[in-house]
N, C-alpha and C. Protein backbone atom coordinates (compact mmCIF):
# COMPACT_ATOMS: atom_id res chain seq x y z
N MET A 1 0.97 -1.23 0.05
CA MET A 1 0.18 -0.17 0.04
C MET A 1 0.79 1.27 -0.20
N GLU A 2 0.61 1.90 -1.22
CA GLU A 2 1.35 3.61 -0.89
C GLU A 2 0.74 4.57 0.06
N LYS A 3 1.89 5.34 0.56
CA LYS A 3 1.33 5.87 1.71
C LYS A 3 0.35 6.86 1.48
N LYS A 4 -0.19 7.72 0.52
CA LYS A 4 -1.26 8.64 -0.15
C LYS A 4 -2.55 7.61 0.26
N GLU A 5 -2.52 6.53 0.10
CA GLU A 5 -3.79 5.45 0.03
C GLU A 5 -4.21 5.78 1.44
N ASN A 6 -3.52 5.50 2.40
CA ASN A 6 -3.73 5.55 3.86
C ASN A 6 -4.82 6.70 4.19
N VAL A 7 -4.54 7.93 3.31
CA VAL A 7 -5.63 9.11 3.67
C VAL A 7 -6.77 8.95 2.96
N THR A 8 -6.62 8.33 1.84
CA THR A 8 -8.44 7.93 1.45
C THR A 8 -9.17 7.08 2.54
N ASP A 9 -8.24 5.89 2.95
CA ASP A 9 -9.02 5.02 3.51
C ASP A 9 -9.57 5.64 5.25
N ILE A 10 -8.51 6.94 5.36
CA ILE A 10 -9.14 7.38 6.68
C ILE A 10 -10.43 8.21 6.08
N ASN A 11 -10.78 8.97 5.33
CA ASN A 11 -11.42 9.85 4.90
C ASN A 11 -12.77 8.46 4.79
N ALA A 12 -12.62 7.52 4.32
CA ALA A 12 -13.50 6.70 3.87
C ALA A 12 -14.30 5.85 5.28
N LEU A 13 -13.35 6.01 6.63
CA LEU A 13 -14.28 5.62 7.67
C LEU A 13 -15.22 6.44 8.45
N LYS A 14 -16.23 5.61 9.13
CA LYS A 14 -17.52 6.39 9.40
C LYS A 14 -17.20 6.78 10.77
N PRO A 15 -17.63 7.59 11.54
CA PRO A 15 -17.35 7.84 12.88
C PRO A 15 -17.71 6.48 13.97
N GLY A 16 -16.39 6.21 14.47
CA GLY A 16 -16.23 5.27 15.39
C GLY A 16 -15.64 3.79 14.44
N GLY A 17 -15.65 3.90 13.07
CA GLY A 17 -14.86 3.19 12.30
C GLY A 17 -13.54 2.66 12.61
N VAL A 18 -12.98 1.39 12.68
CA VAL A 18 -11.83 0.97 12.90
C VAL A 18 -10.57 0.58 11.61
N PHE A 19 -9.45 1.60 11.79
CA PHE A 19 -8.56 1.10 10.77
C PHE A 19 -7.67 0.44 11.26
N ILE A 20 -7.24 -0.52 10.37
CA ILE A 20 -6.27 -1.84 10.91
C ILE A 20 -5.23 -1.79 10.00
N LEU A 21 -3.86 -1.40 9.96
CA LEU A 21 -3.00 -1.60 9.33
C LEU A 21 -1.62 -2.73 9.97
N GLU A 22 -0.76 -3.30 8.84
CA GLU A 22 0.36 -3.97 9.31
C GLU A 22 1.09 -3.74 8.16
N GLN A 23 2.62 -2.86 7.94
CA GLN A 23 3.18 -2.47 6.86
C GLN A 23 4.55 -2.72 7.13
N PHE A 24 5.49 -2.88 6.30
CA PHE A 24 6.62 -3.48 6.69
C PHE A 24 7.53 -1.77 6.89
N SER A 25 8.37 -1.97 7.65
CA SER A 25 9.19 -0.55 8.01
C SER A 25 10.42 -0.48 7.39
N THR A 26 10.85 0.82 7.43
CA THR A 26 11.98 1.03 6.61
C THR A 26 13.33 0.31 7.31
N ASP A 27 13.02 -0.54 8.54
CA ASP A 27 14.02 -1.18 9.20
C ASP A 27 14.23 -2.94 8.39
N HIS A 28 13.30 -2.93 7.54
CA HIS A 28 12.88 -4.41 6.67
C HIS A 28 14.08 -4.49 6.02
N PRO A 29 14.50 -3.71 5.22
CA PRO A 29 15.62 -3.83 4.50
C PRO A 29 16.85 -4.60 4.83
N GLU A 30 17.42 -3.92 6.39
CA GLU A 30 18.36 -4.45 7.16
C GLU A 30 18.03 -5.18 7.97
N ARG A 31 16.61 -5.61 8.56
CA ARG A 31 16.66 -6.57 9.58
C ARG A 31 15.49 -7.28 9.22
N GLY A 32 15.59 -7.37 8.05
CA GLY A 32 14.29 -8.52 7.62
C GLY A 32 14.67 -9.62 6.31
N GLY A 33 13.79 -10.56 6.21
CA GLY A 33 14.30 -11.42 5.12
C GLY A 33 14.52 -10.93 4.36
N ASN A 34 14.55 -11.83 3.08
CA ASN A 34 14.84 -11.42 1.55
C ASN A 34 13.43 -11.69 1.07
N PHE A 35 12.34 -11.07 1.44
CA PHE A 35 11.32 -10.87 0.86
C PHE A 35 10.57 -9.83 1.16
N GLY A 36 9.43 -9.23 0.70
CA GLY A 36 8.83 -7.65 0.97
C GLY A 36 9.30 -6.84 -0.06
N PRO A 37 8.77 -5.29 0.51
CA PRO A 37 9.25 -4.37 -0.51
C PRO A 37 10.55 -3.86 -0.13
N ARG A 38 11.35 -3.37 -1.00
CA ARG A 38 12.38 -2.55 -0.92
C ARG A 38 12.19 -0.88 -1.09
N ASN A 39 11.12 -0.63 -1.81
CA ASN A 39 10.73 0.58 -2.32
C ASN A 39 10.71 1.18 -0.87
N PRO A 40 11.32 2.53 -0.86
CA PRO A 40 10.80 3.44 -0.07
C PRO A 40 9.23 3.99 0.34
N ASN A 41 8.74 4.28 -0.76
CA ASN A 41 7.59 4.42 -1.11
C ASN A 41 6.36 3.53 -0.71
N TYR A 42 7.09 1.95 0.10
CA TYR A 42 5.88 1.32 0.47
C TYR A 42 6.61 0.50 1.90
N LEU A 43 7.77 1.59 2.10
CA LEU A 43 8.13 1.62 3.81
C LEU A 43 7.42 2.59 4.72
N VAL A 44 7.51 2.42 5.78
CA VAL A 44 6.92 3.08 6.51
C VAL A 44 8.07 3.81 7.73
N LYS A 45 8.62 4.43 7.91
CA LYS A 45 9.43 5.23 9.15
C LYS A 45 8.86 5.09 10.41
N PRO A 46 9.83 4.70 11.47
CA PRO A 46 9.47 4.55 13.07
C PRO A 46 8.51 6.10 13.29
N ASN A 47 7.31 5.77 13.83
CA ASN A 47 6.60 6.86 14.24
C ASN A 47 5.93 7.96 13.20
N GLU A 48 6.04 7.28 11.76
CA GLU A 48 5.39 8.00 10.85
C GLU A 48 3.64 7.71 10.81
N LEU A 49 3.41 6.80 10.98
CA LEU A 49 2.17 6.71 11.21
C LEU A 49 1.01 7.22 12.03
N LEU A 50 1.77 7.39 13.27
CA LEU A 50 1.43 8.07 14.49
C LEU A 50 1.11 9.75 13.96
N GLU A 51 1.96 10.43 13.11
CA GLU A 51 1.81 11.56 13.08
C GLU A 51 0.74 11.67 11.58
N ALA A 52 0.32 10.61 10.50
CA ALA A 52 -0.24 10.60 9.37
C ALA A 52 -1.70 10.18 10.04
N PHE A 53 -1.96 9.56 11.23
CA PHE A 53 -3.40 9.21 11.86
C PHE A 53 -3.64 9.91 13.12
N LYS A 54 -2.44 11.00 12.97
CA LYS A 54 -3.20 11.80 14.43
C LYS A 54 -4.77 12.40 14.30
N SER A 55 -5.51 12.56 13.67
CA SER A 55 -6.74 12.77 13.39
C SER A 55 -8.03 11.54 13.98
N LEU A 56 -7.04 10.07 14.49
CA LEU A 56 -7.71 9.08 14.83
C LEU A 56 -7.07 8.65 16.40
N ARG A 57 -8.31 8.42 16.99
CA ARG A 57 -7.73 7.50 18.23
C ARG A 57 -6.60 6.62 18.25
N ILE A 58 -5.51 6.27 18.42
CA ILE A 58 -4.84 5.41 18.30
C ILE A 58 -4.68 4.36 19.59
N LEU A 59 -5.33 3.06 19.23
CA LEU A 59 -6.02 2.32 19.93
C LEU A 59 -4.55 1.03 20.11
N TYR A 60 -3.73 1.12 19.12
CA TYR A 60 -2.65 0.33 19.51
C TYR A 60 -1.32 0.48 18.66
N TYR A 61 -0.39 0.69 18.85
CA TYR A 61 0.80 0.82 17.73
C TYR A 61 2.07 -0.10 18.68
N GLU A 62 2.69 -0.59 17.51
CA GLU A 62 3.61 -1.28 17.66
C GLU A 62 4.71 -1.06 16.36
N ASP A 63 5.79 -1.00 16.90
CA ASP A 63 7.19 -1.17 16.23
C ASP A 63 8.20 -2.36 16.19
N THR A 64 7.98 -3.28 15.43
CA THR A 64 8.55 -4.55 15.91
C THR A 64 9.27 -5.36 14.61
N VAL A 65 10.15 -6.41 15.52
CA VAL A 65 10.74 -7.64 14.54
C VAL A 65 10.05 -8.96 14.75
N VAL A 66 9.21 -9.40 13.98
CA VAL A 66 8.75 -10.99 14.04
C VAL A 66 9.33 -11.67 13.07
N GLU A 67 8.78 -13.09 13.47
CA GLU A 67 9.52 -13.91 12.39
C GLU A 67 8.18 -14.50 12.03
N LEU A 68 8.03 -14.61 10.69
CA LEU A 68 6.88 -14.84 9.68
C LEU A 68 7.14 -16.11 9.35
N ASN A 69 5.77 -16.97 9.14
CA ASN A 69 5.98 -18.16 8.45
C ASN A 69 4.40 -18.32 7.57
N GLU A 70 4.41 -17.00 6.87
CA GLU A 70 2.91 -16.88 5.83
C GLU A 70 3.53 -17.11 4.53
N GLY A 71 3.06 -18.39 3.88
CA GLY A 71 3.25 -18.43 2.57
C GLY A 71 4.96 -17.94 2.02
N MET A 72 4.81 -17.00 1.15
CA MET A 72 6.51 -16.68 0.55
C MET A 72 6.82 -16.03 2.03
N HIS A 73 6.32 -15.76 2.70
CA HIS A 73 7.26 -14.40 3.94
C HIS A 73 7.32 -15.66 4.90
N LYS A 74 8.74 -15.83 4.56
CA LYS A 74 9.28 -16.70 5.79
C LYS A 74 10.68 -16.40 6.25
N GLY A 75 10.73 -15.97 7.93
CA GLY A 75 11.76 -15.28 8.23
C GLY A 75 11.83 -13.75 9.12
N PRO A 76 12.45 -13.06 9.61
CA PRO A 76 12.78 -12.18 10.15
C PRO A 76 11.88 -11.28 9.17
N ALA A 77 10.66 -10.46 10.06
CA ALA A 77 10.34 -8.93 9.21
C ALA A 77 9.91 -7.87 10.17
N ALA A 78 10.70 -6.70 9.75
CA ALA A 78 10.60 -5.64 10.51
C ALA A 78 9.09 -4.62 9.99
N LEU A 79 8.19 -4.82 11.13
CA LEU A 79 6.94 -4.68 10.57
C LEU A 79 6.31 -3.41 11.83
N ILE A 80 5.50 -2.41 11.08
CA ILE A 80 4.90 -1.46 12.10
C ILE A 80 3.41 -1.87 12.08
N ARG A 81 2.33 -1.89 13.46
CA ARG A 81 0.99 -2.12 13.47
C ARG A 81 0.46 -1.23 13.97
N LEU A 82 -0.71 -0.89 13.57
CA LEU A 82 -1.54 0.07 13.70
C LEU A 82 -2.63 -0.11 14.17
N VAL A 83 -3.78 0.04 15.27
CA VAL A 83 -4.82 0.31 15.07
C VAL A 83 -5.61 1.26 15.59
N ALA A 84 -6.68 2.35 14.46
CA ALA A 84 -6.48 3.47 15.35
C ALA A 84 -8.26 3.62 14.92
N GLN A 85 -9.13 4.76 15.39
CA GLN A 85 -10.71 4.38 15.68
C GLN A 85 -10.58 6.16 15.15
N LYS A 86 -11.92 6.18 14.41
CA LYS A 86 -12.37 7.54 13.85
C LYS A 86 -13.08 7.72 14.72
N PRO A 87 -13.36 9.42 15.61
CA PRO A 87 -14.06 9.81 16.45
C PRO A 87 -15.54 10.01 16.03
């Protein structure tokens, strides 16, 4: 998902609607496996989503490295996870 699409997704939320996102972080090329995007347009910087979603109530935020075992995604992955709610 490109970053500009996130804004469109926020605008589509109804009041009380919840937005859930898991995206590779800019740490992924160095800390992650040999899968996932390398293009910076598809990677999220630490805390970037907190700023981008500041109009929403942040219910959950995590910047982590996890071990994936999902189809072709096998190995370490640097991810950012966000759950936010529109007031």
